[in-house]
């Protein structure tokens, strides 16, 4: 039992894509024992193989357990900013916070619920809020479906100053995510907008509204 928990903790610490060999070396555990524990954890859905089969990441059951410990809601003043944004923007407006390698959606637009929250927090390249987090990391340390696709996402996000995703979660729809940073420039949260594809590709005044909201929220969340 202790060894299995050690494997889960190491996967959580190293992030998506860690290999069985890396786990064995980090934990100083015999390869045969590591493989046996990984196979058991995969069978029980505590771990899943990455889509490109290069390594492993935390599975559905771990995410379910994590959601039992609900993230703290944002302060009242931040919720008021979100309410104001929603009243002026036609579409889903959500607030996400980042804790090292974890995404927590702390204020969901009830009129436009998330399409697949478990995938959003697990596969960073699948959503705009996850792509912001990707852009903060060394691409070589973040294997997802392919290094090439991640590199392109990171380049586009860094160049634009915000993240965009279309057709990944729901065909014909997409999302934008504008970063919220602390005084030191560290990414701490994001305000996100979900809408049909055309409004994501040409956001118009919506992008400026989100950027102004992100600046205001930055003073309230840090």
C-alpha atoms as a PDB file:
ATOM      1  CA  UNK A   1       0.000   0.000   0.000  1.00  0.00           C
ATOM      2  CA  UNK A   2       2.760   2.445   0.967  1.00  0.00           C
ATOM      3  CA  UNK A   3       4.675   1.700  -2.236  1.00  0.00           C
ATOM      4  CA  UNK A   4       1.586   2.327  -4.391  1.00  0.00           C
ATOM      5  CA  UNK A   5       1.038   5.690  -2.680  1.00  0.00           C
ATOM      6  CA  UNK A   6       4.693   6.537  -3.268  1.00  0.00           C
ATOM      7  CA  UNK A   7       4.203   5.887  -6.997  1.00  0.00           C
ATOM      8  CA  UNK A   8       1.123   8.152  -7.084  1.00  0.00           C
ATOM      9  CA  UNK A   9       2.939  10.910  -5.201  1.00  0.00           C
ATOM     10  CA  UNK A  10       5.884  10.728  -7.589  1.00  0.00           C
ATOM     11  CA  UNK A  11       3.615  10.911 -10.654  1.00  0.00           C
ATOM     12  CA  UNK A  12       1.849  13.924  -9.123  1.00  0.00           C
ATOM     13  CA  UNK A  13       5.185  15.613  -8.401  1.00  0.00           C
ATOM     14  CA  UNK A  14       6.738  14.956 -11.817  1.00  0.00           C
ATOM     15  CA  UNK A  15       3.645  15.686 -13.902  1.00  0.00           C
ATOM     16  CA  UNK A  16       2.074  14.040 -16.922  1.00  0.00           C
ATOM     17  CA  UNK A  17       4.247  11.748 -19.026  1.00  0.00           C
ATOM     18  CA  UNK A  18       6.555  10.306 -16.380  1.00  0.00           C
ATOM     19  CA  UNK A  19       7.826   6.870 -17.417  1.00  0.00           C
ATOM     20  CA  UNK A  20       8.007   3.641 -15.463  1.00  0.00           C
ATOM     21  CA  UNK A  21      11.812   3.746 -15.624  1.00  0.00           C
ATOM     22  CA  UNK A  22      11.879   7.301 -14.226  1.00  0.00           C
ATOM     23  CA  UNK A  23       9.591   6.247 -11.388  1.00  0.00           C
ATOM     24  CA  UNK A  24      11.728   3.231 -10.616  1.00  0.00           C
ATOM     25  CA  UNK A  25      14.905   5.318 -10.527  1.00  0.00           C
ATOM     26  CA  UNK A  26      13.371   8.152  -8.486  1.00  0.00           C
ATOM     27  CA  UNK A  27      11.882   5.806  -5.893  1.00  0.00           C
ATOM     28  CA  UNK A  28      14.895   3.440  -5.901  1.00  0.00           C
ATOM     29  CA  UNK A  29      12.450   0.627  -6.430  1.00  0.00           C
ATOM     30  CA  UNK A  30      13.126  -2.572  -8.416  1.00  0.00           C
ATOM     31  CA  UNK A  31      11.849  -2.313 -11.980  1.00  0.00           C
ATOM     32  CA  UNK A  32       9.675  -5.414 -11.610  1.00  0.00           C
ATOM     33  CA  UNK A  33       8.008  -3.991  -8.481  1.00  0.00           C
ATOM     34  CA  UNK A  34       7.456  -0.616 -10.161  1.00  0.00           C
ATOM     35  CA  UNK A  35       5.870  -2.203 -13.254  1.00  0.00           C
ATOM     36  CA  UNK A  36       3.616  -4.360 -11.084  1.00  0.00           C
ATOM     37  CA  UNK A  37       2.402  -1.366  -9.053  1.00  0.00           C
ATOM     38  CA  UNK A  38       1.870   0.751 -12.166  1.00  0.00           C
ATOM     39  CA  UNK A  39      -0.182  -1.985 -13.819  1.00  0.00           C
ATOM     40  CA  UNK A  40      -2.285  -2.322 -10.671  1.00  0.00           C
ATOM     41  CA  UNK A  41      -2.856   1.438 -10.460  1.00  0.00           C
ATOM     42  CA  UNK A  42      -3.787   1.589 -14.154  1.00  0.00           C
ATOM     43  CA  UNK A  43      -6.267  -1.268 -13.722  1.00  0.00           C
ATOM     44  CA  UNK A  44      -7.875   0.574 -10.801  1.00  0.00           C
ATOM     45  CA  UNK A  45      -7.911   3.884 -12.788  1.00  0.00           C
ATOM     46  CA  UNK A  46      -5.614   5.739 -10.405  1.00  0.00           C
ATOM     47  CA  UNK A  47      -3.152   6.092 -13.290  1.00  0.00           C
ATOM     48  CA  UNK A  48      -3.695   6.271 -17.055  1.00  0.00           C
ATOM     49  CA  UNK A  49      -1.304   5.918 -19.963  1.00  0.00           C
ATOM     50  CA  UNK A  50      -0.610   9.053 -21.987  1.00  0.00           C
ATOM     51  CA  UNK A  51      -2.218   9.065 -25.458  1.00  0.00           C
ATOM     52  CA  UNK A  52       1.206   8.712 -27.100  1.00  0.00           C
ATOM     53  CA  UNK A  53       2.042   5.788 -24.747  1.00  0.00           C
ATOM     54  CA  UNK A  54       5.279   7.471 -23.590  1.00  0.00           C
ATOM     55  CA  UNK A  55       4.354   7.588 -19.910  1.00  0.00           C
ATOM     56  CA  UNK A  56       1.671   7.936 -17.292  1.00  0.00           C
ATOM     57  CA  UNK A  57      -0.471  10.566 -15.606  1.00  0.00           C
ATOM     58  CA  UNK A  58      -2.982  10.649 -12.782  1.00  0.00           C
ATOM     59  CA  UNK A  59      -6.272   8.937 -13.560  1.00  0.00           C
ATOM     60  CA  UNK A  60      -9.978   9.479 -13.010  1.00  0.00           C
ATOM     61  CA  UNK A  61     -10.124   8.171  -9.455  1.00  0.00           C
ATOM     62  CA  UNK A  62      -7.384  10.511  -8.246  1.00  0.00           C
ATOM     63  CA  UNK A  63      -9.217  13.444  -9.809  1.00  0.00           C
ATOM     64  CA  UNK A  64     -12.430  12.363  -8.125  1.00  0.00           C
ATOM     65  CA  UNK A  65     -10.668  12.269  -4.771  1.00  0.00           C
ATOM     66  CA  UNK A  66      -9.141  15.694  -5.405  1.00  0.00           C
ATOM     67  CA  UNK A  67     -12.549  17.167  -6.163  1.00  0.00           C
ATOM     68  CA  UNK A  68     -13.821  15.966  -2.790  1.00  0.00           C
ATOM     69  CA  UNK A  69     -11.549  18.635  -1.322  1.00  0.00           C
ATOM     70  CA  UNK A  70     -13.153  21.611  -3.017  1.00  0.00           C
ATOM     71  CA  UNK A  71     -10.909  24.590  -3.749  1.00  0.00           C
ATOM     72  CA  UNK A  72     -11.578  27.700  -1.721  1.00  0.00           C
ATOM     73  CA  UNK A  73     -14.018  30.047  -3.467  1.00  0.00           C
ATOM     74  CA  UNK A  74     -12.637  33.406  -4.607  1.00  0.00           C
ATOM     75  CA  UNK A  75     -13.246  36.419  -2.353  1.00  0.00           C
ATOM     76  CA  UNK A  76     -16.516  38.282  -2.653  1.00  0.00           C
ATOM     77  CA  UNK A  77     -14.964  41.206  -4.498  1.00  0.00           C
ATOM     78  CA  UNK A  78     -13.557  38.825  -7.142  1.00  0.00           C
ATOM     79  CA  UNK A  79     -16.950  37.158  -7.545  1.00  0.00           C
ATOM     80  CA  UNK A  80     -18.478  40.591  -8.094  1.00  0.00           C
ATOM     81  CA  UNK A  81     -15.995  41.243 -10.893  1.00  0.00           C
ATOM     82  CA  UNK A  82     -16.925  37.915 -12.479  1.00  0.00           C
ATOM     83  CA  UNK A  83     -20.631  38.762 -12.235  1.00  0.00           C
ATOM     84  CA  UNK A  84     -20.010  42.081 -13.957  1.00  0.00           C
ATOM     85  CA  UNK A  85     -18.027  40.415 -16.734  1.00  0.00           C
ATOM     86  CA  UNK A  86     -20.784  37.875 -17.309  1.00  0.00           C
ATOM     87  CA  UNK A  87     -23.408  40.588 -17.528  1.00  0.00           C
ATOM     88  CA  UNK A  88     -21.441  42.326 -20.271  1.00  0.00           C
ATOM     89  CA  UNK A  89     -20.267  39.282 -22.241  1.00  0.00           C
ATOM     90  CA  UNK A  90     -22.578  36.853 -23.991  1.00  0.00           C
ATOM     91  CA  UNK A  91     -21.000  33.451 -23.368  1.00  0.00           C
ATOM     92  CA  UNK A  92     -19.430  31.422 -20.573  1.00  0.00           C
ATOM     93  CA  UNK A  93     -16.995  33.266 -18.318  1.00  0.00           C
ATOM     94  CA  UNK A  94     -15.034  31.169 -15.810  1.00  0.00           C
ATOM     95  CA  UNK A  95     -12.281  31.751 -13.264  1.00  0.00           C
ATOM     96  CA  UNK A  96      -9.449  29.248 -12.810  1.00  0.00           C
ATOM     97  CA  UNK A  97      -6.613  29.237 -10.274  1.00  0.00           C
ATOM     98  CA  UNK A  98      -3.232  27.530 -10.590  1.00  0.00           C
ATOM     99  CA  UNK A  99      -1.391  25.736  -7.810  1.00  0.00           C
ATOM    100  CA  UNK A 100       1.980  24.664  -9.213  1.00  0.00           C
ATOM    101  CA  UNK A 101       0.893  21.833 -11.545  1.00  0.00           C
ATOM    102  CA  UNK A 102      -2.811  21.875 -10.746  1.00  0.00           C
ATOM    103  CA  UNK A 103      -5.733  23.682 -12.361  1.00  0.00           C
ATOM    104  CA  UNK A 104      -8.732  24.429 -10.148  1.00  0.00           C
ATOM    105  CA  UNK A 105     -11.821  26.006 -11.684  1.00  0.00           C
ATOM    106  CA  UNK A 106     -13.007  28.087  -8.727  1.00  0.00           C
ATOM    107  CA  UNK A 107     -15.879  30.053 -10.284  1.00  0.00           C
ATOM    108  CA  UNK A 108     -17.918  28.351 -13.005  1.00  0.00           C
ATOM    109  CA  UNK A 109     -20.509  30.239 -15.048  1.00  0.00           C
ATOM    110  CA  UNK A 110     -23.689  28.376 -14.105  1.00  0.00           C
ATOM    111  CA  UNK A 111     -25.412  29.443 -17.331  1.00  0.00           C
ATOM    112  CA  UNK A 112     -22.610  27.946 -19.438  1.00  0.00           C
ATOM    113  CA  UNK A 113     -21.167  24.938 -17.527  1.00  0.00           C
ATOM    114  CA  UNK A 114     -17.840  23.426 -18.519  1.00  0.00           C
ATOM    115  CA  UNK A 115     -18.082  20.730 -21.175  1.00  0.00           C
ATOM    116  CA  UNK A 116     -15.569  18.303 -19.623  1.00  0.00           C
ATOM    117  CA  UNK A 117     -13.929  19.568 -16.424  1.00  0.00           C
ATOM    118  CA  UNK A 118     -12.033  16.342 -15.717  1.00  0.00           C
ATOM    119  CA  UNK A 119     -10.346  16.497 -19.117  1.00  0.00           C
ATOM    120  CA  UNK A 120      -9.676  20.223 -18.786  1.00  0.00           C
ATOM    121  CA  UNK A 121      -7.739  19.811 -15.535  1.00  0.00           C
ATOM    122  CA  UNK A 122      -5.966  16.644 -16.741  1.00  0.00           C
ATOM    123  CA  UNK A 123      -4.991  17.484 -20.358  1.00  0.00           C
ATOM    124  CA  UNK A 124      -3.515  20.965 -20.383  1.00  0.00           C
ATOM    125  CA  UNK A 125      -3.383  21.250 -24.169  1.00  0.00           C
ATOM    126  CA  UNK A 126      -7.143  20.598 -24.443  1.00  0.00           C
ATOM    127  CA  UNK A 127      -8.279  23.965 -23.059  1.00  0.00           C
ATOM    128  CA  UNK A 128      -7.207  27.597 -23.134  1.00  0.00           C
ATOM    129  CA  UNK A 129      -6.779  27.707 -19.350  1.00  0.00           C
ATOM    130  CA  UNK A 130      -4.485  24.682 -19.543  1.00  0.00           C
ATOM    131  CA  UNK A 131      -2.523  26.148 -22.451  1.00  0.00           C
ATOM    132  CA  UNK A 132      -1.659  29.179 -20.340  1.00  0.00           C
ATOM    133  CA  UNK A 133      -0.057  26.822 -17.833  1.00  0.00           C
ATOM    134  CA  UNK A 134       1.795  25.007 -20.624  1.00  0.00           C
ATOM    135  CA  UNK A 135       3.254  28.311 -21.794  1.00  0.00           C
ATOM    136  CA  UNK A 136       4.820  28.826 -18.344  1.00  0.00           C
ATOM    137  CA  UNK A 137       6.753  25.571 -18.475  1.00  0.00           C
ATOM    138  CA  UNK A 138       9.687  24.073 -20.297  1.00  0.00           C
ATOM    139  CA  UNK A 139       8.095  22.229 -23.223  1.00  0.00           C
ATOM    140  CA  UNK A 140      10.560  19.355 -22.906  1.00  0.00           C
ATOM    141  CA  UNK A 141       9.222  18.675 -19.397  1.00  0.00           C
ATOM    142  CA  UNK A 142       5.577  18.546 -20.474  1.00  0.00           C
ATOM    143  CA  UNK A 143       4.925  15.643 -22.852  1.00  0.00           C
ATOM    144  CA  UNK A 144       1.301  15.481 -23.984  1.00  0.00           C
ATOM    145  CA  UNK A 145       0.147  14.164 -27.312  1.00  0.00           C
ATOM    146  CA  UNK A 146       3.265  15.311 -29.139  1.00  0.00           C
ATOM    147  CA  UNK A 147       6.133  17.643 -28.396  1.00  0.00           C
ATOM    148  CA  UNK A 148       5.590  19.395 -31.740  1.00  0.00           C
ATOM    149  CA  UNK A 149       1.957  20.298 -31.030  1.00  0.00           C
ATOM    150  CA  UNK A 150       2.832  21.493 -27.521  1.00  0.00           C
ATOM    151  CA  UNK A 151       5.674  23.640 -28.852  1.00  0.00           C
ATOM    152  CA  UNK A 152       3.308  25.306 -31.325  1.00  0.00           C
ATOM    153  CA  UNK A 153       0.736  25.954 -28.588  1.00  0.00           C
ATOM    154  CA  UNK A 154       3.375  27.465 -26.325  1.00  0.00           C
ATOM    155  CA  UNK A 155       4.766  29.669 -29.105  1.00  0.00           C
ATOM    156  CA  UNK A 156       1.318  30.970 -30.092  1.00  0.00           C
ATOM    157  CA  UNK A 157       0.322  31.620 -26.479  1.00  0.00           C
ATOM    158  CA  UNK A 158       3.505  33.454 -25.563  1.00  0.00           C
ATOM    159  CA  UNK A 159       3.320  35.584 -28.699  1.00  0.00           C
ATOM    160  CA  UNK A 160      -0.348  36.526 -28.202  1.00  0.00           C
ATOM    161  CA  UNK A 161      -0.180  37.004 -24.430  1.00  0.00           C
ATOM    162  CA  UNK A 162      -3.306  34.888 -23.997  1.00  0.00           C
ATOM    163  CA  UNK A 163      -4.370  31.347 -24.874  1.00  0.00           C
ATOM    164  CA  UNK A 164      -6.913  30.162 -27.421  1.00  0.00           C
ATOM    165  CA  UNK A 165      -8.459  26.781 -28.219  1.00  0.00           C
ATOM    166  CA  UNK A 166     -11.031  25.803 -30.847  1.00  0.00           C
ATOM    167  CA  UNK A 167     -12.729  22.502 -31.725  1.00  0.00           C
ATOM    168  CA  UNK A 168     -10.755  20.506 -29.151  1.00  0.00           C
ATOM    169  CA  UNK A 169     -13.424  19.874 -26.510  1.00  0.00           C
ATOM    170  CA  UNK A 170     -16.621  20.549 -28.495  1.00  0.00           C
ATOM    171  CA  UNK A 171     -16.718  20.834 -32.324  1.00  0.00           C
ATOM    172  CA  UNK A 172     -17.622  24.354 -33.393  1.00  0.00           C
ATOM    173  CA  UNK A 173     -16.782  25.870 -30.010  1.00  0.00           C
ATOM    174  CA  UNK A 174     -13.693  27.087 -28.239  1.00  0.00           C
ATOM    175  CA  UNK A 175     -12.316  29.219 -25.423  1.00  0.00           C
ATOM    176  CA  UNK A 176      -9.958  32.068 -24.589  1.00  0.00           C
ATOM    177  CA  UNK A 177      -7.950  32.421 -21.388  1.00  0.00           C
ATOM    178  CA  UNK A 178      -6.344  35.655 -20.213  1.00  0.00           C
ATOM    179  CA  UNK A 179      -3.611  35.349 -17.552  1.00  0.00           C
ATOM    180  CA  UNK A 180      -3.856  36.824 -14.056  1.00  0.00           C
ATOM    181  CA  UNK A 181      -0.422  37.412 -12.534  1.00  0.00           C
ATOM    182  CA  UNK A 182       0.925  38.476  -9.173  1.00  0.00           C
ATOM    183  CA  UNK A 183       3.290  41.427  -8.669  1.00  0.00           C
ATOM    184  CA  UNK A 184       6.248  39.235  -9.519  1.00  0.00           C
ATOM    185  CA  UNK A 185       4.712  38.175 -12.837  1.00  0.00           C
ATOM    186  CA  UNK A 186       3.886  34.647 -11.708  1.00  0.00           C
ATOM    187  CA  UNK A 187       0.781  33.081 -13.267  1.00  0.00           C
ATOM    188  CA  UNK A 188      -1.742  32.563 -10.455  1.00  0.00           C
ATOM    189  CA  UNK A 189      -5.102  32.423 -12.230  1.00  0.00           C
ATOM    190  CA  UNK A 190      -6.939  33.089 -15.482  1.00  0.00           C
ATOM    191  CA  UNK A 191     -10.268  34.441 -16.616  1.00  0.00           C
ATOM    192  CA  UNK A 192     -11.700  32.323 -19.412  1.00  0.00           C
ATOM    193  CA  UNK A 193     -14.333  32.818 -22.088  1.00  0.00           C
ATOM    194  CA  UNK A 194     -16.148  29.967 -23.864  1.00  0.00           C
ATOM    195  CA  UNK A 195     -18.254  30.555 -26.983  1.00  0.00           C
ATOM    196  CA  UNK A 196     -18.823  29.428 -30.589  1.00  0.00           C
ATOM    197  CA  UNK A 197     -15.703  29.212 -32.719  1.00  0.00           C
ATOM    198  CA  UNK A 198     -16.276  32.454 -34.647  1.00  0.00           C
ATOM    199  CA  UNK A 199     -16.320  34.499 -31.440  1.00  0.00           C
ATOM    200  CA  UNK A 200     -13.106  32.890 -30.233  1.00  0.00           C
ATOM    201  CA  UNK A 201     -11.288  33.480 -33.515  1.00  0.00           C
ATOM    202  CA  UNK A 202     -12.512  37.097 -33.663  1.00  0.00           C
ATOM    203  CA  UNK A 203     -13.220  38.125 -30.065  1.00  0.00           C
ATOM    204  CA  UNK A 204     -13.344  41.871 -30.750  1.00  0.00           C
ATOM    205  CA  UNK A 205     -14.133  43.918 -27.643  1.00  0.00           C
ATOM    206  CA  UNK A 206     -14.499  40.752 -25.540  1.00  0.00           C
ATOM    207  CA  UNK A 207     -10.728  40.311 -25.341  1.00  0.00           C
ATOM    208  CA  UNK A 208     -10.260  43.844 -24.009  1.00  0.00           C
ATOM    209  CA  UNK A 209     -13.017  43.294 -21.437  1.00  0.00           C
ATOM    210  CA  UNK A 210     -11.340  40.080 -20.271  1.00  0.00           C
ATOM    211  CA  UNK A 211      -7.933  41.752 -20.048  1.00  0.00           C
ATOM    212  CA  UNK A 212      -9.380  44.614 -17.992  1.00  0.00           C
ATOM    213  CA  UNK A 213     -11.159  42.075 -15.767  1.00  0.00           C
ATOM    214  CA  UNK A 214      -7.935  40.070 -15.359  1.00  0.00           C
ATOM    215  CA  UNK A 215      -6.049  43.180 -14.249  1.00  0.00           C
ATOM    216  CA  UNK A 216      -8.729  43.943 -11.668  1.00  0.00           C
ATOM    217  CA  UNK A 217      -8.867  40.327 -10.463  1.00  0.00           C
ATOM    218  CA  UNK A 218      -5.095  40.281 -10.079  1.00  0.00           C
ATOM    219  CA  UNK A 219      -5.375  42.822  -7.289  1.00  0.00           C
ATOM    220  CA  UNK A 220      -8.035  40.739  -5.552  1.00  0.00           C
ATOM    221  CA  UNK A 221      -6.652  37.210  -5.799  1.00  0.00           C
ATOM    222  CA  UNK A 222      -3.027  37.700  -4.687  1.00  0.00           C
END
